[in-house]
Amino acid sequence: MNASMGTGADPGPVCGPVIAVPATMADVPALARVHAACFAPDQQWDVPAFDTLLMMPGVALGVVMAQMQAAGPPVVAGFIMVRHVVDEAEILTLAVDPAFRRRGLARALLSWMGDMAARQGISRLFLEVGVGNSAAQAAYHNAGFGEVGRRRGYYPDGSDARVMARDVMPAMETGAADTELAS
């Protein structure tokens, strides 16, 4: 799994609410741009990689749109991709554009993913995160994930990954399709 939620330069205020919503195929070029901004060249996913992943059964993708300026158009500022099989799901990647970090976007994405998982009857979520990525580990810990194992030599550079998991609470009948987090 790829996870990039480190500290970034202070971009100033994000205008308006931060809302995580399901992504569409039209978002794929922006997803590839964000992924390239967040990961080392040997870990970046391009448009064809996203297209391939999105064709796999059980893959769900959420995005957060945000604005840098009140008059500016909203842009894809981050995303999360999850794959589920039966009653378990794995976060394949989560990325927040460095220009939008430290604004609650990763939290909104993780909340959206948890809500989506609960609605689909998923009971447990898993992910892998680099042992050196303390910012992502802290965000996952704050979202209820705990370490359950380690994958030695998991990443292309030979570094290890921590395997983290959390149980999913059953869905509440709220009817809400999106997760909103005030900025």
N, C-alpha and C. Protein backbone atom coordinates (compact mmCIF):
# COMPACT_ATOMS: atom_id res chain seq x y z
N MET A 1 0.83 -1.17 0.00
CA MET A 1 0.00 0.00 0.00
C MET A 1 0.86 1.22 0.00
N ASN A 2 0.41 2.24 -0.65
CA ASN A 2 1.08 3.52 -0.62
C ASN A 2 0.35 4.41 0.35
N ALA A 3 1.09 5.15 1.15
CA ALA A 3 0.44 6.11 2.06
C ALA A 3 1.33 7.32 2.18
N SER A 4 0.81 8.47 1.80
CA SER A 4 1.59 9.69 1.87
C SER A 4 0.76 10.78 2.52
N MET A 5 1.09 11.05 3.78
CA MET A 5 0.37 12.10 4.51
C MET A 5 1.34 12.87 5.37
N GLY A 6 2.51 13.17 4.86
CA GLY A 6 3.51 13.86 5.66
C GLY A 6 3.20 15.32 5.79
N THR A 7 4.12 16.04 6.42
CA THR A 7 3.92 17.47 6.58
C THR A 7 4.22 18.15 5.27
N GLY A 8 3.54 19.22 5.00
CA GLY A 8 3.75 19.99 3.78
C GLY A 8 3.86 21.45 4.13
N ALA A 9 4.20 22.26 3.14
CA ALA A 9 4.25 23.69 3.35
C ALA A 9 2.85 24.20 3.67
N ASP A 10 2.76 25.24 4.47
CA ASP A 10 1.47 25.81 4.83
C ASP A 10 0.86 26.50 3.62
N PRO A 11 -0.22 25.95 3.04
CA PRO A 11 -0.78 26.52 1.82
C PRO A 11 -1.73 27.67 2.07
N GLY A 12 -1.99 28.00 3.33
CA GLY A 12 -3.02 28.98 3.62
C GLY A 12 -4.34 28.27 3.78
N PRO A 13 -5.39 29.01 4.02
CA PRO A 13 -6.67 28.35 4.30
C PRO A 13 -7.27 27.68 3.08
N VAL A 14 -7.88 26.53 3.31
CA VAL A 14 -8.71 25.89 2.30
C VAL A 14 -10.09 26.50 2.47
N CYS A 15 -10.64 27.03 1.40
CA CYS A 15 -11.92 27.72 1.49
C CYS A 15 -13.07 26.73 1.45
N GLY A 16 -14.02 26.90 2.34
CA GLY A 16 -15.21 26.07 2.34
C GLY A 16 -14.98 24.74 3.00
N PRO A 17 -16.02 23.90 3.04
CA PRO A 17 -15.91 22.59 3.68
C PRO A 17 -15.07 21.63 2.84
N VAL A 18 -14.49 20.65 3.50
CA VAL A 18 -13.75 19.58 2.84
C VAL A 18 -14.69 18.40 2.78
N ILE A 19 -15.01 17.94 1.59
CA ILE A 19 -16.00 16.88 1.42
C ILE A 19 -15.37 15.73 0.64
N ALA A 20 -15.45 14.52 1.18
CA ALA A 20 -15.00 13.33 0.48
C ALA A 20 -16.20 12.72 -0.24
N VAL A 21 -16.02 12.44 -1.53
CA VAL A 21 -17.10 11.89 -2.36
C VAL A 21 -16.55 10.78 -3.24
N PRO A 22 -17.40 9.92 -3.79
CA PRO A 22 -16.92 8.91 -4.73
C PRO A 22 -16.28 9.57 -5.95
N ALA A 23 -15.20 8.98 -6.43
CA ALA A 23 -14.51 9.49 -7.61
C ALA A 23 -15.15 8.94 -8.88
N THR A 24 -14.84 9.58 -10.00
CA THR A 24 -15.29 9.11 -11.31
C THR A 24 -14.07 8.89 -12.20
N MET A 25 -14.28 8.24 -13.32
CA MET A 25 -13.19 8.03 -14.27
C MET A 25 -12.62 9.37 -14.75
N ALA A 26 -13.42 10.41 -14.77
CA ALA A 26 -12.94 11.73 -15.20
C ALA A 26 -11.89 12.28 -14.23
N ASP A 27 -11.85 11.76 -13.01
CA ASP A 27 -10.88 12.22 -12.01
C ASP A 27 -9.51 11.58 -12.18
N VAL A 28 -9.39 10.53 -13.00
CA VAL A 28 -8.16 9.74 -13.07
C VAL A 28 -6.92 10.58 -13.39
N PRO A 29 -6.92 11.50 -14.37
CA PRO A 29 -5.70 12.29 -14.59
C PRO A 29 -5.28 13.10 -13.35
N ALA A 30 -6.24 13.64 -12.62
CA ALA A 30 -5.92 14.39 -11.41
C ALA A 30 -5.38 13.46 -10.32
N LEU A 31 -5.91 12.24 -10.25
CA LEU A 31 -5.41 11.27 -9.28
C LEU A 31 -3.95 10.93 -9.56
N ALA A 32 -3.63 10.72 -10.84
CA ALA A 32 -2.25 10.42 -11.21
C ALA A 32 -1.34 11.60 -10.87
N ARG A 33 -1.82 12.83 -11.06
CA ARG A 33 -1.03 14.03 -10.73
C ARG A 33 -0.75 14.07 -9.23
N VAL A 34 -1.79 13.85 -8.42
CA VAL A 34 -1.61 13.87 -6.96
C VAL A 34 -0.67 12.75 -6.53
N HIS A 35 -0.86 11.56 -7.08
CA HIS A 35 0.00 10.43 -6.71
C HIS A 35 1.45 10.72 -7.04
N ALA A 36 1.71 11.31 -8.21
CA ALA A 36 3.08 11.65 -8.60
C ALA A 36 3.69 12.68 -7.66
N ALA A 37 2.88 13.58 -7.13
CA ALA A 37 3.38 14.61 -6.21
C ALA A 37 3.70 14.03 -4.84
N CYS A 38 3.17 12.85 -4.54
CA CYS A 38 3.28 12.29 -3.19
C CYS A 38 4.28 11.15 -3.05
N PHE A 39 4.63 10.49 -4.13
CA PHE A 39 5.42 9.28 -4.01
C PHE A 39 6.69 9.33 -4.85
N ALA A 40 7.66 8.54 -4.43
CA ALA A 40 8.92 8.40 -5.17
C ALA A 40 8.61 7.85 -6.56
N PRO A 41 9.48 8.15 -7.54
CA PRO A 41 9.22 7.70 -8.91
C PRO A 41 8.94 6.20 -9.05
N ASP A 42 9.59 5.37 -8.25
CA ASP A 42 9.36 3.92 -8.37
C ASP A 42 8.06 3.46 -7.71
N GLN A 43 7.33 4.40 -7.08
CA GLN A 43 6.06 4.05 -6.44
C GLN A 43 4.87 4.80 -7.04
N GLN A 44 5.11 5.63 -8.05
CA GLN A 44 4.03 6.43 -8.64
C GLN A 44 3.15 5.59 -9.56
N TRP A 45 1.86 5.91 -9.55
CA TRP A 45 0.90 5.27 -10.44
C TRP A 45 0.50 6.28 -11.51
N ASP A 46 0.59 5.86 -12.77
CA ASP A 46 0.18 6.73 -13.88
C ASP A 46 -1.28 6.44 -14.26
N VAL A 47 -1.78 7.15 -15.27
CA VAL A 47 -3.18 7.00 -15.69
C VAL A 47 -3.50 5.54 -16.05
N PRO A 48 -2.67 4.85 -16.86
CA PRO A 48 -3.00 3.44 -17.16
C PRO A 48 -3.05 2.55 -15.91
N ALA A 49 -2.20 2.82 -14.93
CA ALA A 49 -2.23 2.03 -13.69
C ALA A 49 -3.56 2.24 -12.96
N PHE A 50 -4.00 3.50 -12.89
CA PHE A 50 -5.30 3.77 -12.25
C PHE A 50 -6.43 3.11 -13.03
N ASP A 51 -6.39 3.21 -14.36
CA ASP A 51 -7.43 2.59 -15.17
C ASP A 51 -7.52 1.09 -14.90
N THR A 52 -6.36 0.43 -14.82
CA THR A 52 -6.32 -1.01 -14.55
C THR A 52 -6.90 -1.33 -13.18
N LEU A 53 -6.47 -0.58 -12.17
CA LEU A 53 -6.96 -0.83 -10.82
C LEU A 53 -8.46 -0.60 -10.70
N LEU A 54 -8.96 0.42 -11.37
CA LEU A 54 -10.38 0.74 -11.28
C LEU A 54 -11.26 -0.30 -11.99
N MET A 55 -10.68 -1.10 -12.86
CA MET A 55 -11.43 -2.17 -13.53
C MET A 55 -11.53 -3.43 -12.67
N MET A 56 -10.76 -3.49 -11.59
CA MET A 56 -10.78 -4.67 -10.72
C MET A 56 -12.07 -4.70 -9.91
N PRO A 57 -12.62 -5.89 -9.69
CA PRO A 57 -13.83 -5.98 -8.86
C PRO A 57 -13.54 -5.53 -7.43
N GLY A 58 -14.52 -4.87 -6.83
CA GLY A 58 -14.42 -4.49 -5.43
C GLY A 58 -13.61 -3.25 -5.13
N VAL A 59 -13.19 -2.51 -6.15
CA VAL A 59 -12.39 -1.31 -5.92
C VAL A 59 -13.30 -0.10 -5.78
N ALA A 60 -13.06 0.68 -4.73
CA ALA A 60 -13.79 1.93 -4.50
C ALA A 60 -12.78 3.06 -4.38
N LEU A 61 -13.15 4.22 -4.84
CA LEU A 61 -12.24 5.36 -4.87
C LEU A 61 -12.98 6.60 -4.41
N GLY A 62 -12.41 7.28 -3.42
CA GLY A 62 -12.98 8.53 -2.93
C GLY A 62 -12.00 9.66 -3.12
N VAL A 63 -12.52 10.85 -3.37
CA VAL A 63 -11.67 12.03 -3.55
C VAL A 63 -12.14 13.14 -2.61
N VAL A 64 -11.22 14.04 -2.32
CA VAL A 64 -11.59 15.30 -1.66
C VAL A 64 -11.26 16.42 -2.63
N MET A 65 -12.21 17.31 -2.76
CA MET A 65 -12.04 18.49 -3.59
C MET A 65 -11.82 19.66 -2.63
N ALA A 66 -10.93 20.58 -3.01
CA ALA A 66 -10.67 21.73 -2.16
C ALA A 66 -10.28 22.91 -3.03
N GLN A 67 -10.30 24.08 -2.43
CA GLN A 67 -9.94 25.31 -3.13
C GLN A 67 -8.77 25.96 -2.41
N MET A 68 -7.87 26.57 -3.18
CA MET A 68 -6.80 27.35 -2.59
C MET A 68 -7.26 28.77 -2.32
N GLN A 69 -8.16 29.27 -3.16
CA GLN A 69 -8.65 30.64 -3.03
C GLN A 69 -10.17 30.62 -3.17
N ALA A 70 -10.82 31.59 -2.54
CA ALA A 70 -12.29 31.63 -2.56
C ALA A 70 -12.85 31.68 -3.98
N ALA A 71 -12.17 32.36 -4.89
CA ALA A 71 -12.68 32.50 -6.25
C ALA A 71 -12.21 31.37 -7.16
N GLY A 72 -11.32 30.52 -6.68
CA GLY A 72 -10.77 29.47 -7.52
C GLY A 72 -11.68 28.27 -7.61
N PRO A 73 -11.53 27.50 -8.68
CA PRO A 73 -12.34 26.29 -8.83
C PRO A 73 -11.84 25.20 -7.87
N PRO A 74 -12.72 24.30 -7.45
CA PRO A 74 -12.25 23.18 -6.63
C PRO A 74 -11.41 22.24 -7.48
N VAL A 75 -10.40 21.67 -6.85
CA VAL A 75 -9.51 20.71 -7.51
C VAL A 75 -9.43 19.45 -6.66
N VAL A 76 -9.04 18.35 -7.29
CA VAL A 76 -8.78 17.12 -6.54
C VAL A 76 -7.55 17.38 -5.67
N ALA A 77 -7.74 17.32 -4.37
CA ALA A 77 -6.65 17.59 -3.43
C ALA A 77 -6.13 16.32 -2.77
N GLY A 78 -6.90 15.24 -2.85
CA GLY A 78 -6.48 13.99 -2.26
C GLY A 78 -7.45 12.89 -2.62
N PHE A 79 -7.04 11.65 -2.37
CA PHE A 79 -7.91 10.52 -2.69
C PHE A 79 -7.52 9.30 -1.88
N ILE A 80 -8.43 8.34 -1.84
CA ILE A 80 -8.20 7.05 -1.20
C ILE A 80 -8.77 5.97 -2.12
N MET A 81 -8.03 4.89 -2.28
CA MET A 81 -8.49 3.75 -3.08
C MET A 81 -8.51 2.52 -2.18
N VAL A 82 -9.64 1.83 -2.20
CA VAL A 82 -9.86 0.66 -1.34
C VAL A 82 -10.35 -0.49 -2.21
N ARG A 83 -9.90 -1.70 -1.87
CA ARG A 83 -10.40 -2.90 -2.55
C ARG A 83 -10.98 -3.83 -1.48
N HIS A 84 -12.21 -4.30 -1.72
CA HIS A 84 -12.81 -5.20 -0.74
C HIS A 84 -13.13 -6.54 -1.38
N VAL A 85 -12.99 -7.58 -0.54
CA VAL A 85 -13.33 -8.95 -0.90
C VAL A 85 -14.11 -9.51 0.28
N VAL A 86 -15.31 -9.98 0.01
CA VAL A 86 -16.22 -10.53 1.00
C VAL A 86 -16.44 -9.47 2.10
N ASP A 87 -15.91 -9.70 3.31
CA ASP A 87 -16.17 -8.76 4.40
C ASP A 87 -14.91 -8.05 4.90
N GLU A 88 -13.85 -8.06 4.10
CA GLU A 88 -12.62 -7.35 4.46
C GLU A 88 -12.23 -6.41 3.32
N ALA A 89 -11.49 -5.36 3.67
CA ALA A 89 -11.04 -4.40 2.67
C ALA A 89 -9.63 -3.95 2.99
N GLU A 90 -8.91 -3.59 1.93
CA GLU A 90 -7.55 -3.08 2.07
C GLU A 90 -7.47 -1.70 1.43
N ILE A 91 -6.87 -0.77 2.14
CA ILE A 91 -6.58 0.53 1.56
C ILE A 91 -5.37 0.33 0.64
N LEU A 92 -5.57 0.52 -0.65
CA LEU A 92 -4.49 0.34 -1.62
C LEU A 92 -3.58 1.56 -1.64
N THR A 93 -4.16 2.74 -1.54
CA THR A 93 -3.36 3.96 -1.50
C THR A 93 -4.20 5.10 -0.95
N LEU A 94 -3.53 6.03 -0.32
CA LEU A 94 -4.13 7.27 0.15
C LEU A 94 -3.09 8.35 -0.10
N ALA A 95 -3.50 9.43 -0.75
CA ALA A 95 -2.56 10.51 -1.05
C ALA A 95 -3.26 11.86 -0.91
N VAL A 96 -2.54 12.81 -0.33
CA VAL A 96 -3.01 14.19 -0.23
C VAL A 96 -1.94 15.06 -0.85
N ASP A 97 -2.35 15.88 -1.83
CA ASP A 97 -1.43 16.79 -2.50
C ASP A 97 -0.66 17.58 -1.45
N PRO A 98 0.68 17.67 -1.58
CA PRO A 98 1.46 18.40 -0.58
C PRO A 98 0.97 19.83 -0.33
N ALA A 99 0.39 20.47 -1.33
CA ALA A 99 -0.11 21.84 -1.15
C ALA A 99 -1.33 21.91 -0.24
N PHE A 100 -1.96 20.77 0.04
CA PHE A 100 -3.19 20.75 0.84
C PHE A 100 -3.06 19.98 2.15
N ARG A 101 -1.86 19.59 2.51
CA ARG A 101 -1.69 18.79 3.72
C ARG A 101 -1.94 19.62 4.99
N ARG A 102 -2.19 18.90 6.07
CA ARG A 102 -2.41 19.49 7.39
C ARG A 102 -3.71 20.29 7.44
N ARG A 103 -4.70 19.87 6.65
CA ARG A 103 -6.00 20.55 6.59
C ARG A 103 -7.17 19.60 6.85
N GLY A 104 -6.89 18.37 7.30
CA GLY A 104 -7.96 17.43 7.61
C GLY A 104 -8.45 16.61 6.43
N LEU A 105 -7.76 16.69 5.28
CA LEU A 105 -8.22 15.95 4.11
C LEU A 105 -8.06 14.44 4.28
N ALA A 106 -6.93 14.00 4.82
CA ALA A 106 -6.74 12.56 5.04
C ALA A 106 -7.79 12.04 6.02
N ARG A 107 -8.08 12.82 7.04
CA ARG A 107 -9.11 12.44 8.01
C ARG A 107 -10.47 12.29 7.33
N ALA A 108 -10.81 13.23 6.44
CA ALA A 108 -12.08 13.15 5.71
C ALA A 108 -12.12 11.91 4.82
N LEU A 109 -11.00 11.60 4.16
CA LEU A 109 -10.95 10.42 3.30
C LEU A 109 -11.10 9.13 4.11
N LEU A 110 -10.41 9.05 5.24
CA LEU A 110 -10.53 7.86 6.08
C LEU A 110 -11.93 7.72 6.65
N SER A 111 -12.57 8.82 6.97
CA SER A 111 -13.94 8.78 7.46
C SER A 111 -14.89 8.30 6.36
N TRP A 112 -14.72 8.83 5.15
CA TRP A 112 -15.54 8.40 4.01
C TRP A 112 -15.38 6.90 3.79
N MET A 113 -14.12 6.46 3.82
CA MET A 113 -13.84 5.04 3.58
C MET A 113 -14.48 4.18 4.66
N GLY A 114 -14.41 4.60 5.92
CA GLY A 114 -15.03 3.84 7.00
C GLY A 114 -16.54 3.76 6.85
N ASP A 115 -17.16 4.89 6.46
CA ASP A 115 -18.61 4.91 6.24
C ASP A 115 -19.00 4.00 5.08
N MET A 116 -18.24 4.09 3.98
CA MET A 116 -18.51 3.25 2.81
C MET A 116 -18.36 1.77 3.16
N ALA A 117 -17.31 1.44 3.91
CA ALA A 117 -17.07 0.06 4.30
C ALA A 117 -18.22 -0.47 5.16
N ALA A 118 -18.68 0.34 6.09
CA ALA A 118 -19.78 -0.08 6.96
C ALA A 118 -21.05 -0.33 6.15
N ARG A 119 -21.34 0.55 5.19
CA ARG A 119 -22.54 0.38 4.36
C ARG A 119 -22.47 -0.89 3.52
N GLN A 120 -21.26 -1.33 3.18
CA GLN A 120 -21.10 -2.52 2.35
C GLN A 120 -20.89 -3.79 3.17
N GLY A 121 -21.03 -3.70 4.47
CA GLY A 121 -20.92 -4.89 5.31
C GLY A 121 -19.50 -5.36 5.56
N ILE A 122 -18.53 -4.50 5.36
CA ILE A 122 -17.14 -4.85 5.61
C ILE A 122 -16.89 -4.80 7.11
N SER A 123 -16.24 -5.82 7.64
CA SER A 123 -16.03 -5.88 9.09
C SER A 123 -14.62 -5.47 9.52
N ARG A 124 -13.65 -5.51 8.60
CA ARG A 124 -12.25 -5.21 8.98
C ARG A 124 -11.55 -4.54 7.81
N LEU A 125 -10.74 -3.53 8.15
CA LEU A 125 -9.93 -2.79 7.17
C LEU A 125 -8.46 -3.04 7.45
N PHE A 126 -7.68 -3.18 6.38
CA PHE A 126 -6.24 -3.38 6.49
C PHE A 126 -5.52 -2.35 5.64
N LEU A 127 -4.24 -2.14 5.93
CA LEU A 127 -3.38 -1.31 5.10
C LEU A 127 -1.93 -1.63 5.41
N GLU A 128 -1.07 -1.25 4.49
CA GLU A 128 0.36 -1.30 4.73
C GLU A 128 0.87 0.13 4.66
N VAL A 129 1.80 0.47 5.54
CA VAL A 129 2.39 1.81 5.56
C VAL A 129 3.88 1.67 5.85
N GLY A 130 4.69 2.47 5.19
CA GLY A 130 6.13 2.41 5.38
C GLY A 130 6.53 2.64 6.82
N VAL A 131 7.50 1.86 7.31
CA VAL A 131 7.92 2.00 8.70
C VAL A 131 8.49 3.38 8.98
N GLY A 132 8.98 4.07 7.96
CA GLY A 132 9.54 5.40 8.14
C GLY A 132 8.54 6.53 7.97
N ASN A 133 7.30 6.21 7.66
CA ASN A 133 6.29 7.24 7.40
C ASN A 133 5.49 7.50 8.69
N SER A 134 6.12 8.23 9.60
CA SER A 134 5.50 8.45 10.92
C SER A 134 4.24 9.30 10.84
N ALA A 135 4.17 10.25 9.90
CA ALA A 135 2.97 11.08 9.78
C ALA A 135 1.76 10.23 9.39
N ALA A 136 1.93 9.35 8.41
CA ALA A 136 0.83 8.48 8.00
C ALA A 136 0.46 7.51 9.11
N GLN A 137 1.46 6.96 9.79
CA GLN A 137 1.17 6.04 10.89
C GLN A 137 0.35 6.73 11.98
N ALA A 138 0.70 7.97 12.29
CA ALA A 138 -0.06 8.72 13.31
C ALA A 138 -1.49 8.96 12.86
N ALA A 139 -1.67 9.32 11.59
CA ALA A 139 -3.03 9.55 11.07
C ALA A 139 -3.85 8.27 11.13
N TYR A 140 -3.25 7.16 10.76
CA TYR A 140 -3.97 5.89 10.81
C TYR A 140 -4.29 5.50 12.26
N HIS A 141 -3.33 5.70 13.14
CA HIS A 141 -3.57 5.40 14.56
C HIS A 141 -4.74 6.25 15.08
N ASN A 142 -4.76 7.53 14.73
CA ASN A 142 -5.85 8.41 15.15
C ASN A 142 -7.19 7.99 14.56
N ALA A 143 -7.17 7.28 13.43
CA ALA A 143 -8.39 6.79 12.80
C ALA A 143 -8.79 5.40 13.31
N GLY A 144 -8.08 4.92 14.34
CA GLY A 144 -8.47 3.66 14.96
C GLY A 144 -7.70 2.44 14.50
N PHE A 145 -6.69 2.61 13.65
CA PHE A 145 -5.89 1.48 13.18
C PHE A 145 -4.81 1.15 14.20
N GLY A 146 -4.50 -0.13 14.32
CA GLY A 146 -3.41 -0.59 15.16
C GLY A 146 -2.53 -1.54 14.38
N GLU A 147 -1.27 -1.63 14.77
CA GLU A 147 -0.33 -2.51 14.07
C GLU A 147 -0.66 -3.97 14.37
N VAL A 148 -0.72 -4.78 13.30
CA VAL A 148 -0.99 -6.21 13.46
C VAL A 148 0.10 -7.08 12.85
N GLY A 149 1.11 -6.46 12.23
CA GLY A 149 2.19 -7.23 11.64
C GLY A 149 3.15 -6.35 10.88
N ARG A 150 4.09 -7.01 10.20
CA ARG A 150 5.10 -6.31 9.42
C ARG A 150 5.41 -7.13 8.18
N ARG A 151 5.59 -6.45 7.06
CA ARG A 151 6.01 -7.11 5.82
C ARG A 151 7.44 -6.66 5.53
N ARG A 152 8.35 -7.58 5.64
CA ARG A 152 9.77 -7.26 5.43
C ARG A 152 10.04 -7.09 3.94
N GLY A 153 10.79 -6.04 3.59
CA GLY A 153 11.18 -5.80 2.20
C GLY A 153 10.00 -5.54 1.28
N TYR A 154 8.94 -4.96 1.78
CA TYR A 154 7.69 -4.79 1.03
C TYR A 154 7.81 -3.78 -0.11
N TYR A 155 8.53 -2.71 0.12
CA TYR A 155 8.61 -1.63 -0.88
C TYR A 155 9.77 -1.85 -1.84
N PRO A 156 9.70 -1.22 -3.05
CA PRO A 156 10.75 -1.42 -4.05
C PRO A 156 12.16 -1.09 -3.55
N ASP A 157 12.28 -0.17 -2.58
CA ASP A 157 13.60 0.17 -2.06
C ASP A 157 14.07 -0.80 -0.98
N GLY A 158 13.27 -1.84 -0.71
CA GLY A 158 13.63 -2.85 0.28
C GLY A 158 13.17 -2.55 1.69
N SER A 159 12.52 -1.42 1.90
CA SER A 159 12.08 -1.07 3.25
C SER A 159 10.84 -1.88 3.64
N ASP A 160 10.65 -1.97 4.94
CA ASP A 160 9.53 -2.73 5.50
C ASP A 160 8.25 -1.91 5.53
N ALA A 161 7.14 -2.62 5.64
CA ALA A 161 5.83 -2.00 5.82
C ALA A 161 5.23 -2.51 7.12
N ARG A 162 4.58 -1.62 7.84
CA ARG A 162 3.76 -2.02 8.98
C ARG A 162 2.39 -2.39 8.43
N VAL A 163 1.84 -3.49 8.89
CA VAL A 163 0.47 -3.86 8.55
C VAL A 163 -0.40 -3.36 9.70
N MET A 164 -1.39 -2.55 9.35
CA MET A 164 -2.30 -1.99 10.36
C MET A 164 -3.72 -2.42 10.01
N ALA A 165 -4.57 -2.51 11.02
CA ALA A 165 -5.95 -2.93 10.81
C ALA A 165 -6.85 -2.25 11.82
N ARG A 166 -8.13 -2.22 11.48
CA ARG A 166 -9.15 -1.75 12.42
C ARG A 166 -10.46 -2.43 12.07
N ASP A 167 -11.28 -2.62 13.09
CA ASP A 167 -12.61 -3.16 12.87
C ASP A 167 -13.52 -2.03 12.40
N VAL A 168 -14.54 -2.39 11.64
CA VAL A 168 -15.50 -1.42 11.13
C VAL A 168 -16.77 -1.54 11.95
N MET A 169 -17.27 -0.41 12.38
CA MET A 169 -18.53 -0.38 13.11
C MET A 169 -19.67 -0.59 12.12
N PRO A 170 -20.73 -1.29 12.51
CA PRO A 170 -21.87 -1.47 11.60
C PRO A 170 -22.44 -0.12 11.16
N ALA A 171 -22.95 -0.09 9.95
CA ALA A 171 -23.50 1.15 9.38
C ALA A 171 -24.71 1.60 10.17
N MET A 172 -24.78 2.91 10.35
CA MET A 172 -25.97 3.51 10.95
C MET A 172 -26.85 3.98 9.81
N GLU A 173 -28.13 3.91 9.98
CA GLU A 173 -29.08 4.29 8.93
C GLU A 173 -29.28 5.80 8.90
N THR A 174 -28.26 6.52 8.36
CA THR A 174 -28.37 7.98 8.30
C THR A 174 -28.74 8.45 6.92
N GLY A 175 -28.45 7.62 5.91
CA GLY A 175 -28.73 8.01 4.53
C GLY A 175 -27.69 8.93 3.95
N ALA A 176 -26.66 9.29 4.70
CA ALA A 176 -25.63 10.20 4.20
C ALA A 176 -24.72 9.43 3.25
N ALA A 177 -24.50 9.99 2.07
CA ALA A 177 -23.63 9.35 1.09
C ALA A 177 -22.23 9.93 1.12
N ASP A 178 -22.09 11.16 1.56
CA ASP A 178 -20.80 11.82 1.58
C ASP A 178 -20.39 12.07 3.03
N THR A 179 -19.11 12.25 3.24
CA THR A 179 -18.61 12.61 4.55
C THR A 179 -18.07 14.01 4.46
N GLU A 180 -18.53 14.88 5.34
CA GLU A 180 -18.11 16.27 5.31
C GLU A 180 -17.33 16.58 6.58
N LEU A 181 -16.25 17.32 6.42
CA LEU A 181 -15.44 17.74 7.54
C LEU A 181 -15.19 19.22 7.37
N ALA A 182 -15.63 20.02 8.27
CA ALA A 182 -15.42 21.47 8.16
C ALA A 182 -13.94 21.76 8.26
N SER A 183 -13.48 22.68 7.44
CA SER A 183 -12.05 23.02 7.47
C SER A 183 -11.78 24.08 8.49
